[in-house]
Protein backbone atom coordinates (compact mmCIF):
# COMPACT_ATOMS: atom_id res chain seq x y z
CA UNK A 1 151.55 19.38 80.91
CA UNK A 2 151.11 16.45 82.93
CA UNK A 3 154.41 15.11 84.71
CA UNK A 4 153.73 11.66 82.83
CA UNK A 5 153.73 13.52 79.47
CA UNK A 6 156.96 15.47 80.24
CA UNK A 7 158.71 12.27 81.52
CA UNK A 8 157.79 10.45 78.25
CA UNK A 9 158.84 13.28 75.95
CA UNK A 10 162.10 13.35 77.81
CA UNK A 11 162.69 9.48 77.43
CA UNK A 12 162.01 10.13 73.64
CA UNK A 13 164.66 12.78 73.62
CA UNK A 14 167.16 10.68 75.43
CA UNK A 15 166.47 7.77 72.88
CA UNK A 16 167.10 10.04 70.05
CA UNK A 17 170.31 11.29 71.65
CA UNK A 18 171.52 7.71 72.03
CA UNK A 19 170.90 6.68 68.60
CA UNK A 20 172.60 9.90 67.21
CA UNK A 21 175.69 9.20 69.47
CA UNK A 22 175.96 5.76 67.92
CA UNK A 23 175.67 7.26 64.32
CA UNK A 24 178.13 9.90 65.19
CA UNK A 25 180.57 7.25 66.53
CA UNK A 26 180.19 5.17 63.42
CA UNK A 27 180.94 8.22 61.29
CA UNK A 28 183.82 9.10 63.30
CA UNK A 29 185.32 5.50 63.05
CA UNK A 30 184.86 5.61 59.28
CA UNK A 31 186.84 8.81 58.79
CA UNK A 32 189.53 7.45 61.17
CA UNK A 33 189.64 4.26 58.73
CA UNK A 34 189.71 6.39 55.62
CA UNK A 35 192.66 8.36 57.23
CA UNK A 36 194.45 5.09 58.06
CA UNK A 37 194.11 3.87 54.41
CA UNK A 38 195.16 7.29 53.05
CA UNK A 39 198.30 7.07 55.17
CA UNK A 40 198.85 3.45 54.02
CA UNK A 41 198.62 4.44 50.31
CA UNK A 42 200.94 7.54 50.85
CA UNK A 43 203.41 5.33 52.63
CA UNK A 44 203.33 2.75 49.88
CA UNK A 45 203.98 5.49 47.25
CA UNK A 46 206.72 6.83 49.31
CA UNK A 47 208.28 3.47 50.02
CA UNK A 48 207.97 3.99 53.80
CA UNK A 49 207.91 0.19 54.64
CA UNK A 50 208.25 0.59 58.57
CA UNK A 51 205.38 3.04 58.61
CA UNK A 52 203.15 0.57 56.61
CA UNK A 53 204.11 -2.24 58.96
CA UNK A 54 203.11 -0.19 61.98
CA UNK A 55 199.76 0.16 60.64
CA UNK A 56 198.81 -3.63 60.77
CA UNK A 57 197.35 -5.68 63.57
CA UNK A 58 199.43 -8.17 64.94
CA UNK A 59 197.10 -11.05 63.50
CA UNK A 60 197.24 -9.24 59.97
CA UNK A 61 196.23 -11.45 56.97
CA UNK A 62 197.38 -10.75 53.50
CA UNK A 63 195.96 -12.51 50.70
CA UNK A 64 197.34 -12.70 47.29
CA UNK A 65 200.82 -11.24 47.10
CA UNK A 66 202.31 -12.81 45.18
CA UNK A 67 199.17 -14.12 43.54
CA UNK A 68 197.69 -17.29 45.13
CA UNK A 69 199.57 -16.99 48.38
CA UNK A 70 198.16 -16.23 51.94
CA UNK A 71 200.33 -14.56 54.56
CA UNK A 72 199.44 -14.43 58.30
CA UNK A 73 200.99 -12.40 61.07
CA UNK A 74 202.61 -8.88 61.07
CA UNK A 75 206.07 -10.21 60.91
CA UNK A 76 205.58 -12.53 57.69
CA UNK A 77 203.89 -9.65 56.10
CA UNK A 78 206.57 -7.09 57.09
CA UNK A 79 208.95 -9.34 55.21
CA UNK A 80 206.99 -8.84 52.07
CA UNK A 81 207.05 -5.02 52.36
CA UNK A 82 210.80 -5.16 53.30
CA UNK A 83 211.61 -7.18 50.42
CA UNK A 84 209.62 -4.92 47.83
CA UNK A 85 211.89 -2.21 49.18
CA UNK A 86 214.92 -4.25 48.62
CA UNK A 87 214.03 -5.44 45.27
CA UNK A 88 212.87 -1.91 43.82
CA UNK A 89 216.43 -0.96 43.22
CA UNK A 90 215.70 2.95 43.72
CA UNK A 91 213.01 2.93 41.22
CA UNK A 92 209.52 4.16 41.99
CA UNK A 93 207.19 1.06 42.46
CA UNK A 94 204.00 2.91 41.46
CA UNK A 95 202.08 5.77 41.64
CA UNK A 96 198.49 5.37 43.38
CA UNK A 97 195.14 7.08 43.86
CA UNK A 98 192.29 5.30 45.76
CA UNK A 99 188.76 6.48 45.57
CA UNK A 100 185.19 5.32 46.31
CA UNK A 101 185.49 3.70 49.73
CA UNK A 102 182.86 1.58 50.99
CA UNK A 103 183.24 1.03 54.55
CA UNK A 104 180.87 -0.57 57.34
CA UNK A 105 181.53 -0.58 61.12
CA UNK A 106 180.44 -2.95 63.73
CA UNK A 107 181.87 -2.08 67.15
CA UNK A 108 185.60 -2.37 67.18
CA UNK A 109 185.69 -4.22 63.56
CA UNK A 110 185.17 -2.88 60.10
CA UNK A 111 185.10 -3.78 56.37
CA UNK A 112 185.60 -1.97 53.31
CA UNK A 113 186.76 -1.92 49.73
CA UNK A 114 188.33 0.83 47.69
CA UNK A 115 188.87 1.39 43.95
CA UNK A 116 192.48 1.61 43.31
CA UNK A 117 193.82 3.71 40.06
CA UNK A 118 197.46 3.81 39.48
CA UNK A 119 200.40 3.04 37.24
CA UNK A 120 202.88 0.19 37.90
CA UNK A 121 206.43 0.80 36.93
CA UNK A 122 208.39 -2.33 35.67
CA UNK A 123 212.02 -2.05 35.62
CA UNK A 124 213.59 -3.95 32.90
CA UNK A 125 217.30 -4.50 33.26
CA UNK A 126 219.23 -5.44 29.99
CA UNK A 127 222.15 -7.82 30.28
CA UNK A 128 225.10 -7.20 27.99
CA UNK A 129 226.56 -10.32 26.09
CA UNK A 130 229.32 -10.73 29.11
CA UNK A 131 226.47 -11.27 31.59
CA UNK A 132 227.00 -7.79 33.14
CA UNK A 133 223.80 -5.63 33.95
CA UNK A 134 223.43 -2.78 31.67
CA UNK A 135 221.11 -0.34 30.97
CA UNK A 136 217.35 -0.40 32.32
CA UNK A 137 214.22 0.86 30.95
CA UNK A 138 211.05 1.54 32.98
CA UNK A 139 207.67 0.43 31.48
CA UNK A 140 204.73 2.37 32.89
CA UNK A 141 201.34 0.46 32.70
CA UNK A 142 198.00 2.21 33.96
CA UNK A 143 196.01 -0.16 36.04
CA UNK A 144 192.66 -0.34 37.86
CA UNK A 145 192.49 -2.72 40.80
CA UNK A 146 190.69 -3.04 44.21
CA UNK A 147 191.59 -3.31 47.92
CA UNK A 148 189.35 -5.37 49.94
CA UNK A 149 190.18 -4.59 53.50
CA UNK A 150 189.24 -5.38 57.18
CA UNK A 151 190.24 -3.18 60.13
CA UNK A 152 190.03 -3.71 63.96
CA UNK A 153 190.51 -1.30 66.61
CA UNK A 154 193.40 -2.05 68.87
CA UNK A 155 194.04 0.15 72.01
CA UNK A 156 191.69 2.87 70.66
CA UNK A 157 193.43 2.90 67.33
CA UNK A 158 192.17 1.39 63.97
CA UNK A 159 194.69 -1.08 62.39
CA UNK A 160 194.58 -2.99 59.13
CA UNK A 161 193.85 -6.66 59.96
CA UNK A 162 193.11 -8.09 56.39
CA UNK A 163 194.32 -6.75 52.90
CA UNK A 164 193.56 -8.30 49.58
CA UNK A 165 194.57 -6.38 46.57
CA UNK A 166 193.14 -7.54 43.16
CA UNK A 167 194.94 -6.48 39.99
CA UNK A 168 193.50 -6.12 37.38
CA UNK A 169 190.11 -5.55 38.54
CA UNK A 170 187.81 -6.39 37.22
CA UNK A 171 189.62 -9.23 35.53
CA UNK A 172 188.58 -8.74 32.01
CA UNK A 173 188.97 -12.37 31.10
CA UNK A 174 186.36 -13.25 33.81
CA UNK A 175 183.95 -10.35 33.48
CA UNK A 176 180.64 -11.06 31.81
CA UNK A 177 179.89 -9.59 28.52
CA UNK A 178 178.38 -5.90 28.56
CA UNK A 179 174.70 -6.05 27.94
CA UNK A 180 174.73 -2.44 26.77
CA UNK A 181 177.39 -2.63 24.16
C-alpha cells in the first residue's frame, strides 16, 4: 500500500475519532444534566432549599412562580425557595417523579424539558369561631406538569440557569380537541 493511501486512511480515522469524541462529550454532558435535575427534584421533595439554591447559576431566571411573575438572579430566586420552606409548616409540599427528559447540548449551554408527575398537598387550616387556628386537613391532588429548563456550565459544573414550571400541563382549557376521540 502506498504511503499516500496510508496517510489518507489515517486522516479518515482521525476524523472519525474526533467526531466520536464530540458525541461522547455531548452524551456525558446530557448524563450530568440529568443527574443535576434528579438532585434538584430529590432536594425539592426533601425540602433541602439550600442544596437547591446551590444548583442555580448566579444569573438564574425563574418564570412563573407564582404564576405570571419572572424572577432573575440567584438571590431573588433563593428567597422564593426559602419562603416555600417557611410557609410549609412541616407538611410535605408534594411528591414528584420526573420522566422523559429531552435535552440538547451546545458547548457550555443546554436546553431541555421534562414531564413532571406528582401530587401537591394543600394544607387547609380551619379557624375556630374565636379566630384561633384549629385542626387542618391535607388535600392531595395528582397533577401532570412540565419543566422547561436551561443549563450552563460554570467552572466545569452544570448549573440550572432557567426554570419554568407549567402546571397543569397541558392546560386542558387551552388544549385543542382530540381528533381521535
